[in-house]
Amino acid sequence: MLTIFCVLILFFPFGTLCQTWHSRACLDRHLEYLEEVFQRTLHRLENDVKFCNLKIDDFNQSINNQMYSWRVAGTIHYTNNFLISIEMVDVTRISSMVTRRMENNIPIYQAGLQATINFHNPRLGFDVFAELEDMEDQRYTGVFLFHSITFPINIVKNINTNETAFTFTNAGSSARFARMDSLPNTNVSQVIGRNFQASLISNSFSEWGRNIIIPIMEKIVNTEIEFPTIKLDGCTG
């Protein structure tokens, strides 16, 4: 089973607090809470959804490039794209907050948790169809290795209404290598691989976060694990 590791980088940003919600207000045992939420989330992602079902939308890339004496021009079609493997998953940038704000002269109290899920060394597979000028069409199997894919997630609970909301900004990614490896390995596939644009698939990573990861977490947070209690005299973690 895939194991999730929590790397604890802690800070507590506080808003303006009322007299009873002073600067030591915090969420009790929020680290234990987040660890359990993310353990369950990754377990279901691995066992129920399956990582291989994390798909990349089909896309096309125009190419007109020459490497040494090889010129490759045409349209490259990427289909049946999916996540092959992940080396490790961890959670970083963990923080919590308890804040107060005024809305229509009514104080609104909120408790929030932030964290980032990191997929380390994810490998993605592609079916590559090269529709080329001045040569026969060609097919390849491509593999691209990223350094990481990151999913920043915020959980905010409205203390007044007891409602919990999730916000997710766009997923981030960084590539380990500048080219895609292909089979068979030919002069043409090398040109295609060196011109692969990893940025073309970033929207699919964000869709994983919004459409798959967040719904799993919402069910866990709303129905399975009690939200941390607020303490006014400081917390131990």
C-alpha atoms as a PDB file:
ATOM      1  CA  MET A   1       0.000   0.000   0.000  1.00  0.00           C
ATOM      2  CA  LEU A   2       1.209   3.481  -0.822  1.00  0.00           C
ATOM      3  CA  THR A   3       2.361   5.287   2.323  1.00  0.00           C
ATOM      4  CA  ILE A   4       1.829   8.988   2.849  1.00  0.00           C
ATOM      5  CA  PHE A   5       4.453  10.936   4.760  1.00  0.00           C
ATOM      6  CA  CYS A   6       3.642  14.193   6.510  1.00  0.00           C
ATOM      7  CA  VAL A   7       6.496  16.690   6.453  1.00  0.00           C
ATOM      8  CA  LEU A   8       5.508  19.224   9.041  1.00  0.00           C
ATOM      9  CA  ILE A   9       6.214  22.840   8.168  1.00  0.00           C
ATOM     10  CA  LEU A  10       4.124  24.753  10.647  1.00  0.00           C
ATOM     11  CA  PHE A  11       3.017  28.323  11.093  1.00  0.00           C
ATOM     12  CA  PHE A  12      -0.102  29.878  12.517  1.00  0.00           C
ATOM     13  CA  PRO A  13      -1.365  33.062  10.805  1.00  0.00           C
ATOM     14  CA  PHE A  14      -4.096  34.682  12.880  1.00  0.00           C
ATOM     15  CA  GLY A  15      -6.637  37.318  11.944  1.00  0.00           C
ATOM     16  CA  THR A  16      -8.157  39.899  14.267  1.00  0.00           C
ATOM     17  CA  LEU A  17      -9.658  38.037  17.194  1.00  0.00           C
ATOM     18  CA  CYS A  18     -12.401  39.063  19.592  1.00  0.00           C
ATOM     19  CA  GLN A  19     -11.812  39.276  23.324  1.00  0.00           C
ATOM     20  CA  THR A  20     -12.417  35.581  23.954  1.00  0.00           C
ATOM     21  CA  TRP A  21     -10.598  34.511  20.780  1.00  0.00           C
ATOM     22  CA  HIS A  22      -7.183  35.818  21.647  1.00  0.00           C
ATOM     23  CA  SER A  23      -3.859  35.184  19.944  1.00  0.00           C
ATOM     24  CA  ARG A  24      -3.449  31.704  21.448  1.00  0.00           C
ATOM     25  CA  ALA A  25      -6.591  30.347  19.770  1.00  0.00           C
ATOM     26  CA  CYS A  26      -5.730  27.305  17.654  1.00  0.00           C
ATOM     27  CA  LEU A  27      -6.912  23.942  16.376  1.00  0.00           C
ATOM     28  CA  ASP A  28      -6.117  21.125  18.757  1.00  0.00           C
ATOM     29  CA  ARG A  29      -4.280  18.092  17.304  1.00  0.00           C
ATOM     30  CA  HIS A  30      -4.676  19.363  13.758  1.00  0.00           C
ATOM     31  CA  LEU A  31      -1.603  17.435  12.593  1.00  0.00           C
ATOM     32  CA  GLU A  32      -3.109  14.117  13.670  1.00  0.00           C
ATOM     33  CA  TYR A  33      -6.354  15.111  11.974  1.00  0.00           C
ATOM     34  CA  LEU A  34      -4.702  16.013   8.665  1.00  0.00           C
ATOM     35  CA  GLU A  35      -2.566  12.879   8.674  1.00  0.00           C
ATOM     36  CA  GLU A  36      -5.687  10.722   9.054  1.00  0.00           C
ATOM     37  CA  VAL A  37      -7.575  12.663   6.356  1.00  0.00           C
ATOM     38  CA  PHE A  38      -4.741  12.328   3.864  1.00  0.00           C
ATOM     39  CA  GLN A  39      -4.047   8.683   4.708  1.00  0.00           C
ATOM     40  CA  ARG A  40      -7.660   7.810   3.963  1.00  0.00           C
ATOM     41  CA  THR A  41      -7.711   9.984   0.850  1.00  0.00           C
ATOM     42  CA  LEU A  42      -4.608   8.355  -0.647  1.00  0.00           C
ATOM     43  CA  HIS A  43      -5.793   4.877   0.333  1.00  0.00           C
ATOM     44  CA  ARG A  44      -9.031   5.370  -1.603  1.00  0.00           C
ATOM     45  CA  LEU A  45      -7.237   7.016  -4.481  1.00  0.00           C
ATOM     46  CA  GLU A  46      -4.948   3.998  -4.732  1.00  0.00           C
ATOM     47  CA  ASN A  47      -7.486   1.233  -4.112  1.00  0.00           C
ATOM     48  CA  ASP A  48     -10.850   2.566  -5.306  1.00  0.00           C
ATOM     49  CA  VAL A  49     -10.015   5.029  -8.074  1.00  0.00           C
ATOM     50  CA  LYS A  50      -6.676   3.383  -9.066  1.00  0.00           C
ATOM     51  CA  PHE A  51      -3.776   5.616 -10.043  1.00  0.00           C
ATOM     52  CA  CYS A  52      -3.861   4.266 -13.600  1.00  0.00           C
ATOM     53  CA  ASN A  53      -7.311   5.865 -13.944  1.00  0.00           C
ATOM     54  CA  LEU A  54      -5.818   9.323 -13.500  1.00  0.00           C
ATOM     55  CA  LYS A  55      -6.007  10.284 -17.158  1.00  0.00           C
ATOM     56  CA  ILE A  56      -4.479  13.022 -19.270  1.00  0.00           C
ATOM     57  CA  ASP A  57      -6.753  14.641 -21.851  1.00  0.00           C
ATOM     58  CA  ASP A  58      -5.903  13.884 -25.469  1.00  0.00           C
ATOM     59  CA  PHE A  59      -3.989  16.710 -27.115  1.00  0.00           C
ATOM     60  CA  ASN A  60      -2.071  17.617 -30.264  1.00  0.00           C
ATOM     61  CA  GLN A  61       1.239  19.373 -30.798  1.00  0.00           C
ATOM     62  CA  SER A  62       2.522  20.915 -34.019  1.00  0.00           C
ATOM     63  CA  ILE A  63       6.187  20.367 -34.763  1.00  0.00           C
ATOM     64  CA  ASN A  64       8.627  21.706 -37.333  1.00  0.00           C
ATOM     65  CA  ASN A  65      12.109  21.023 -36.089  1.00  0.00           C
ATOM     66  CA  GLN A  66      15.454  19.771 -37.249  1.00  0.00           C
ATOM     67  CA  MET A  67      18.019  17.909 -35.142  1.00  0.00           C
ATOM     68  CA  TYR A  68      21.305  17.239 -36.893  1.00  0.00           C
ATOM     69  CA  SER A  69      20.226  16.181 -40.405  1.00  0.00           C
ATOM     70  CA  TRP A  70      16.745  15.032 -39.359  1.00  0.00           C
ATOM     71  CA  ARG A  71      13.831  17.322 -40.082  1.00  0.00           C
ATOM     72  CA  VAL A  72      10.468  16.447 -38.591  1.00  0.00           C
ATOM     73  CA  ALA A  73       7.351  18.466 -39.440  1.00  0.00           C
ATOM     74  CA  GLY A  74       3.684  17.712 -38.881  1.00  0.00           C
ATOM     75  CA  THR A  75       1.172  17.141 -36.098  1.00  0.00           C
ATOM     76  CA  ILE A  76       1.778  14.856 -33.122  1.00  0.00           C
ATOM     77  CA  HIS A  77      -1.334  13.327 -31.532  1.00  0.00           C
ATOM     78  CA  TYR A  78      -1.179  12.141 -27.891  1.00  0.00           C
ATOM     79  CA  THR A  79      -3.972   9.762 -26.829  1.00  0.00           C
ATOM     80  CA  ASN A  80      -4.782   7.196 -24.119  1.00  0.00           C
ATOM     81  CA  ASN A  81      -2.573   9.125 -21.710  1.00  0.00           C
ATOM     82  CA  PHE A  82      -2.446   8.076 -18.061  1.00  0.00           C
ATOM     83  CA  LEU A  83      -0.400   7.941 -14.872  1.00  0.00           C
ATOM     84  CA  ILE A  84       1.861   4.878 -14.843  1.00  0.00           C
ATOM     85  CA  SER A  85       3.492   5.124 -11.416  1.00  0.00           C
ATOM     86  CA  ILE A  86       4.444   7.357  -8.493  1.00  0.00           C
ATOM     87  CA  GLU A  87       7.606   6.875  -6.465  1.00  0.00           C
ATOM     88  CA  MET A  88       6.310   8.514  -3.280  1.00  0.00           C
ATOM     89  CA  VAL A  89       3.522  10.738  -1.955  1.00  0.00           C
ATOM     90  CA  ASP A  90       3.951  13.168   0.906  1.00  0.00           C
ATOM     91  CA  VAL A  91       2.215  16.200   2.418  1.00  0.00           C
ATOM     92  CA  THR A  92       4.022  19.477   3.080  1.00  0.00           C
ATOM     93  CA  ARG A  93       3.311  23.167   3.748  1.00  0.00           C
ATOM     94  CA  ILE A  94       0.938  22.300   6.561  1.00  0.00           C
ATOM     95  CA  SER A  95      -0.571  25.180   8.487  1.00  0.00           C
ATOM     96  CA  SER A  96      -3.662  26.074  10.491  1.00  0.00           C
ATOM     97  CA  MET A  97      -5.441  29.288  11.378  1.00  0.00           C
ATOM     98  CA  VAL A  98      -8.303  30.629  13.459  1.00  0.00           C
ATOM     99  CA  THR A  99      -9.661  33.984  12.286  1.00  0.00           C
ATOM    100  CA  ARG A 100     -12.440  36.488  12.793  1.00  0.00           C
ATOM    101  CA  ARG A 101     -13.915  38.840  10.199  1.00  0.00           C
ATOM    102  CA  MET A 102     -16.916  41.164  10.118  1.00  0.00           C
ATOM    103  CA  GLU A 103     -19.756  40.632   7.637  1.00  0.00           C
ATOM    104  CA  ASN A 104     -22.771  42.991   7.827  1.00  0.00           C
ATOM    105  CA  ASN A 105     -21.622  43.931  11.331  1.00  0.00           C
ATOM    106  CA  ILE A 106     -21.731  40.278  12.364  1.00  0.00           C
ATOM    107  CA  PRO A 107     -18.504  38.561  13.464  1.00  0.00           C
ATOM    108  CA  ILE A 108     -17.738  35.467  11.374  1.00  0.00           C
ATOM    109  CA  TYR A 109     -15.323  32.989  12.925  1.00  0.00           C
ATOM    110  CA  GLN A 110     -13.400  30.571  10.735  1.00  0.00           C
ATOM    111  CA  ALA A 111     -10.919  27.770  11.281  1.00  0.00           C
ATOM    112  CA  GLY A 112      -8.720  26.729   8.389  1.00  0.00           C
ATOM    113  CA  LEU A 113      -6.214  24.054   7.445  1.00  0.00           C
ATOM    114  CA  GLN A 114      -3.834  24.187   4.494  1.00  0.00           C
ATOM    115  CA  ALA A 115      -1.572  21.521   3.035  1.00  0.00           C
ATOM    116  CA  THR A 116      -0.036  20.436  -0.253  1.00  0.00           C
ATOM    117  CA  ILE A 117      -0.114  16.871  -1.570  1.00  0.00           C
ATOM    118  CA  ASN A 118       3.023  16.018  -3.552  1.00  0.00           C
ATOM    119  CA  PHE A 119       3.362  13.222  -6.115  1.00  0.00           C
ATOM    120  CA  HIS A 120       7.113  12.555  -6.433  1.00  0.00           C
ATOM    121  CA  ASN A 121       8.641  11.209  -9.662  1.00  0.00           C
ATOM    122  CA  PRO A 122       5.351  10.413 -11.409  1.00  0.00           C
ATOM    123  CA  ARG A 123       5.705   8.632 -14.767  1.00  0.00           C
ATOM    124  CA  LEU A 124       3.089   9.239 -17.453  1.00  0.00           C
ATOM    125  CA  GLY A 125       2.463   7.114 -20.516  1.00  0.00           C
ATOM    126  CA  PHE A 126       1.262   8.252 -23.952  1.00  0.00           C
ATOM    127  CA  ASP A 127       0.176   6.683 -27.218  1.00  0.00           C
ATOM    128  CA  VAL A 128       1.908   8.869 -29.811  1.00  0.00           C
ATOM    129  CA  PHE A 129       0.711   9.107 -33.412  1.00  0.00           C
ATOM    130  CA  ALA A 130       2.945  11.223 -35.649  1.00  0.00           C
ATOM    131  CA  GLU A 131       1.189  12.592 -38.727  1.00  0.00           C
ATOM    132  CA  LEU A 132       4.208  13.816 -40.671  1.00  0.00           C
ATOM    133  CA  GLU A 133       5.062  15.725 -43.805  1.00  0.00           C
ATOM    134  CA  ASP A 134       7.262  14.092 -46.451  1.00  0.00           C
ATOM    135  CA  MET A 135       7.359  10.725 -44.668  1.00  0.00           C
ATOM    136  CA  GLU A 136       5.094   7.929 -43.499  1.00  0.00           C
ATOM    137  CA  ASP A 137       2.962   8.333 -40.381  1.00  0.00           C
ATOM    138  CA  GLN A 138       4.485   6.689 -37.320  1.00  0.00           C
ATOM    139  CA  ARG A 139       3.336   5.394 -33.930  1.00  0.00           C
ATOM    140  CA  TYR A 140       5.224   5.292 -30.647  1.00  0.00           C
ATOM    141  CA  THR A 141       4.731   4.603 -26.973  1.00  0.00           C
ATOM    142  CA  GLY A 142       5.994   7.562 -24.957  1.00  0.00           C
ATOM    143  CA  VAL A 143       6.937   7.904 -21.285  1.00  0.00           C
ATOM    144  CA  PHE A 144       7.575  11.218 -19.560  1.00  0.00           C
ATOM    145  CA  LEU A 145       8.981  11.567 -16.030  1.00  0.00           C
ATOM    146  CA  PHE A 146       8.029  14.547 -13.886  1.00  0.00           C
ATOM    147  CA  HIS A 147       9.950  15.600 -10.803  1.00  0.00           C
ATOM    148  CA  SER A 148       6.699  16.315  -8.964  1.00  0.00           C
ATOM    149  CA  ILE A 149       3.017  17.180  -9.243  1.00  0.00           C
ATOM    150  CA  THR A 150       1.609  19.274  -6.389  1.00  0.00           C
ATOM    151  CA  PHE A 151      -1.949  19.817  -5.188  1.00  0.00           C
ATOM    152  CA  PRO A 152      -2.428  22.772  -2.761  1.00  0.00           C
ATOM    153  CA  ILE A 153      -5.608  22.312  -0.718  1.00  0.00           C
ATOM    154  CA  ASN A 154      -7.411  24.508   1.836  1.00  0.00           C
ATOM    155  CA  ILE A 155     -10.095  23.321   4.263  1.00  0.00           C
ATOM    156  CA  VAL A 156     -12.103  26.114   5.902  1.00  0.00           C
ATOM    157  CA  LYS A 157     -14.807  25.635   8.530  1.00  0.00           C
ATOM    158  CA  ASN A 158     -17.307  28.391   9.299  1.00  0.00           C
ATOM    159  CA  ILE A 159     -17.744  28.173  13.062  1.00  0.00           C
ATOM    160  CA  ASN A 160     -21.005  30.162  12.945  1.00  0.00           C
ATOM    161  CA  THR A 161     -22.746  27.775  10.533  1.00  0.00           C
ATOM    162  CA  ASN A 162     -20.655  24.624  11.065  1.00  0.00           C
ATOM    163  CA  GLU A 163     -20.200  24.393   7.277  1.00  0.00           C
ATOM    164  CA  THR A 164     -16.934  23.198   5.756  1.00  0.00           C
ATOM    165  CA  ALA A 165     -15.644  24.395   2.385  1.00  0.00           C
ATOM    166  CA  PHE A 166     -12.718  23.273   0.233  1.00  0.00           C
ATOM    167  CA  THR A 167     -10.673  25.458  -2.070  1.00  0.00           C
ATOM    168  CA  PHE A 168      -8.134  24.184  -4.554  1.00  0.00           C
ATOM    169  CA  THR A 169      -5.791  26.284  -6.655  1.00  0.00           C
ATOM    170  CA  ASN A 170      -4.272  24.935  -9.850  1.00  0.00           C
ATOM    171  CA  ALA A 171      -1.952  21.964  -9.577  1.00  0.00           C
ATOM    172  CA  GLY A 172       1.729  22.620 -10.084  1.00  0.00           C
ATOM    173  CA  SER A 173       4.318  20.455 -11.798  1.00  0.00           C
ATOM    174  CA  SER A 174       8.002  20.362 -12.606  1.00  0.00           C
ATOM    175  CA  ALA A 175       9.702  18.092 -15.130  1.00  0.00           C
ATOM    176  CA  ARG A 176      12.785  16.037 -14.266  1.00  0.00           C
ATOM    177  CA  PHE A 177      13.978  15.743 -17.864  1.00  0.00           C
ATOM    178  CA  ALA A 178      13.485  17.909 -20.933  1.00  0.00           C
ATOM    179  CA  ARG A 179      12.417  15.121 -23.255  1.00  0.00           C
ATOM    180  CA  MET A 180      10.039  12.214 -23.619  1.00  0.00           C
ATOM    181  CA  ASP A 181      11.432   8.692 -24.022  1.00  0.00           C
ATOM    182  CA  SER A 182       9.790   6.673 -26.796  1.00  0.00           C
ATOM    183  CA  LEU A 183       9.650   3.117 -28.090  1.00  0.00           C
ATOM    184  CA  PRO A 184      10.732   2.332 -30.684  1.00  0.00           C
ATOM    185  CA  ASN A 185      13.656   4.715 -30.347  1.00  0.00           C
ATOM    186  CA  THR A 186      14.214   6.262 -33.783  1.00  0.00           C
ATOM    187  CA  ASN A 187      15.600   9.477 -35.196  1.00  0.00           C
ATOM    188  CA  VAL A 188      12.053  10.776 -35.561  1.00  0.00           C
ATOM    189  CA  SER A 189      11.004   9.822 -32.026  1.00  0.00           C
ATOM    190  CA  GLN A 190      14.076  11.580 -30.625  1.00  0.00           C
ATOM    191  CA  VAL A 191      13.102  14.813 -32.361  1.00  0.00           C
ATOM    192  CA  ILE A 192       9.517  14.458 -31.139  1.00  0.00           C
ATOM    193  CA  GLY A 193      10.644  13.631 -27.605  1.00  0.00           C
ATOM    194  CA  ARG A 194      12.957  16.634 -27.356  1.00  0.00           C
ATOM    195  CA  ASN A 195      10.152  18.940 -28.489  1.00  0.00           C
ATOM    196  CA  PHE A 196       7.500  17.584 -26.120  1.00  0.00           C
ATOM    197  CA  GLN A 197       5.833  20.429 -24.192  1.00  0.00           C
ATOM    198  CA  ALA A 198       4.980  19.241 -20.676  1.00  0.00           C
ATOM    199  CA  SER A 199       2.982  22.415 -20.025  1.00  0.00           C
ATOM    200  CA  LEU A 200       0.298  21.180 -22.429  1.00  0.00           C
ATOM    201  CA  ILE A 201      -0.980  18.689 -19.854  1.00  0.00           C
ATOM    202  CA  SER A 202      -1.029  20.854 -16.715  1.00  0.00           C
ATOM    203  CA  ASN A 203      -4.812  21.356 -16.913  1.00  0.00           C
ATOM    204  CA  SER A 204      -5.333  17.617 -16.502  1.00  0.00           C
ATOM    205  CA  PHE A 205      -3.428  17.659 -13.208  1.00  0.00           C
ATOM    206  CA  SER A 206      -5.753  20.388 -11.916  1.00  0.00           C
ATOM    207  CA  GLU A 207      -8.734  18.262 -12.972  1.00  0.00           C
ATOM    208  CA  TRP A 208      -7.371  15.402 -10.853  1.00  0.00           C
ATOM    209  CA  GLY A 209      -7.416  17.734  -7.863  1.00  0.00           C
ATOM    210  CA  ARG A 210     -10.850  19.267  -8.429  1.00  0.00           C
ATOM    211  CA  ASN A 211     -12.751  16.251  -9.739  1.00  0.00           C
ATOM    212  CA  ILE A 212     -11.133  13.330  -7.919  1.00  0.00           C
ATOM    213  CA  ILE A 213      -9.050  14.263  -4.854  1.00  0.00           C
ATOM    214  CA  ILE A 214     -11.300  17.002  -3.431  1.00  0.00           C
ATOM    215  CA  PRO A 215     -14.553  14.947  -3.601  1.00  0.00           C
ATOM    216  CA  ILE A 216     -12.850  12.088  -1.741  1.00  0.00           C
ATOM    217  CA  MET A 217     -11.617  14.480   0.944  1.00  0.00           C
ATOM    218  CA  GLU A 218     -15.021  16.168   1.254  1.00  0.00           C
ATOM    219  CA  LYS A 219     -16.702  12.875   2.079  1.00  0.00           C
ATOM    220  CA  ILE A 220     -14.042  11.990   4.645  1.00  0.00           C
ATOM    221  CA  VAL A 221     -14.107  15.406   6.336  1.00  0.00           C
ATOM    222  CA  ASN A 222     -17.898  15.812   6.311  1.00  0.00           C
ATOM    223  CA  THR A 223     -18.949  12.304   7.344  1.00  0.00           C
ATOM    224  CA  GLU A 224     -16.075  10.365   8.879  1.00  0.00           C
ATOM    225  CA  ILE A 225     -13.619  12.391  10.943  1.00  0.00           C
ATOM    226  CA  GLU A 226     -14.552  15.078  13.446  1.00  0.00           C
ATOM    227  CA  PHE A 227     -12.998  18.472  12.759  1.00  0.00           C
ATOM    228  CA  PRO A 228     -10.395  19.539  15.353  1.00  0.00           C
ATOM    229  CA  THR A 229     -11.693  21.466  18.332  1.00  0.00           C
ATOM    230  CA  ILE A 230     -10.659  25.061  18.949  1.00  0.00           C
ATOM    231  CA  LYS A 231      -8.609  25.753  22.052  1.00  0.00           C
ATOM    232  CA  LEU A 232      -8.126  29.205  23.510  1.00  0.00           C
ATOM    233  CA  ASP A 233      -5.049  28.484  25.605  1.00  0.00           C
ATOM    234  CA  GLY A 234      -2.635  27.235  22.958  1.00  0.00           C
ATOM    235  CA  CYS A 235      -2.109  23.844  21.349  1.00  0.00           C
ATOM    236  CA  THR A 236       0.550  21.184  21.342  1.00  0.00           C
ATOM    237  CA  GLY A 237       0.119  20.254  17.649  1.00  0.00           C
END
